[in-house]
């Protein structure tokens, strides 16, 4: 597994991580991995809006195609 080094972590954030670790009975390393995974999953869901890869690509292609159309005359 790849090692990651976190530098200059805010002391309050570090304490919050330690509290989660203690509450869950996890090591700090395990806690960091789980929090990173959960945060990454949440961010991916936010970006994708719950769509699957094929849907994301199709939607992106459709938006790009629409952007290339000339502006309409309006109403």
Protein backbone atom coordinates (compact mmCIF):
# COMPACT_ATOMS: atom_id res chain seq x y z
CA UNK A 1 0.00 0.00 0.00
CA UNK A 2 1.20 3.51 -0.75
CA UNK A 3 2.20 5.70 2.18
CA UNK A 4 0.78 9.20 2.42
CA UNK A 5 2.23 11.90 4.64
CA UNK A 6 0.05 14.70 5.93
CA UNK A 7 1.90 17.81 7.07
CA UNK A 8 0.80 20.91 8.90
CA UNK A 9 -2.53 19.48 9.99
CA UNK A 10 -4.62 21.87 12.01
CA UNK A 11 -4.51 20.76 15.66
CA UNK A 12 -8.28 20.92 15.93
CA UNK A 13 -8.67 18.63 12.91
CA UNK A 14 -6.10 16.22 14.34
CA UNK A 15 -8.01 16.12 17.63
CA UNK A 16 -11.28 15.46 15.83
CA UNK A 17 -9.64 12.53 14.02
CA UNK A 18 -8.33 11.16 17.32
CA UNK A 19 -11.81 11.44 18.87
CA UNK A 20 -13.38 9.51 15.99
CA UNK A 21 -10.68 6.86 16.33
CA UNK A 22 -11.30 6.52 20.07
CA UNK A 23 -15.07 6.43 19.66
CA UNK A 24 -14.89 3.72 17.00
CA UNK A 25 -12.07 1.74 18.56
CA UNK A 26 -9.95 2.17 15.45
CA UNK A 27 -6.31 3.10 15.10
CA UNK A 28 -5.60 6.60 13.83
CA UNK A 29 -4.31 5.08 10.56
CA UNK A 30 -7.51 3.05 10.07
CA UNK A 31 -9.60 6.08 10.96
CA UNK A 32 -7.82 8.25 8.40
CA UNK A 33 -8.30 5.63 5.69
CA UNK A 34 -11.99 5.23 6.47
CA UNK A 35 -12.61 8.98 6.66
CA UNK A 36 -10.74 9.54 3.41
CA UNK A 37 -12.72 6.80 1.69
CA UNK A 38 -16.04 8.13 2.99
CA UNK A 39 -15.18 11.69 2.02
CA UNK A 40 -14.04 10.62 -1.42
CA UNK A 41 -17.20 8.61 -1.96
CA UNK A 42 -19.34 11.59 -0.92
CA UNK A 43 -17.42 13.89 -3.26
CA UNK A 44 -17.73 11.46 -6.16
CA UNK A 45 -21.46 11.15 -5.57
CA UNK A 46 -21.79 14.93 -5.49
CA UNK A 47 -19.86 15.32 -8.74
CA UNK A 48 -21.64 12.51 -10.51
CA UNK A 49 -25.07 13.23 -9.07
CA UNK A 50 -25.61 9.49 -8.66
CA UNK A 51 -25.14 8.69 -12.36
CA UNK A 52 -23.15 5.70 -13.61
CA UNK A 53 -20.00 6.20 -15.73
CA UNK A 54 -21.78 5.58 -19.03
CA UNK A 55 -24.47 8.09 -18.11
CA UNK A 56 -21.92 10.71 -17.03
CA UNK A 57 -20.07 10.40 -20.34
CA UNK A 58 -23.30 10.58 -22.37
CA UNK A 59 -24.53 13.61 -20.43
CA UNK A 60 -21.16 15.36 -20.79
CA UNK A 61 -21.17 14.70 -24.54
CA UNK A 62 -24.71 16.03 -24.87
CA UNK A 63 -23.89 19.20 -22.93
CA UNK A 64 -20.78 19.76 -25.07
CA UNK A 65 -22.85 19.33 -28.25
CA UNK A 66 -25.49 21.78 -27.00
CA UNK A 67 -22.82 24.37 -26.23
CA UNK A 68 -21.70 24.23 -29.87
CA UNK A 69 -25.16 25.17 -31.20
CA UNK A 70 -25.70 28.78 -32.24
CA UNK A 71 -27.67 30.95 -29.86
CA UNK A 72 -31.39 31.09 -30.55
CA UNK A 73 -33.37 34.22 -31.37
CA UNK A 74 -35.21 34.16 -28.08
CA UNK A 75 -38.91 34.56 -27.51
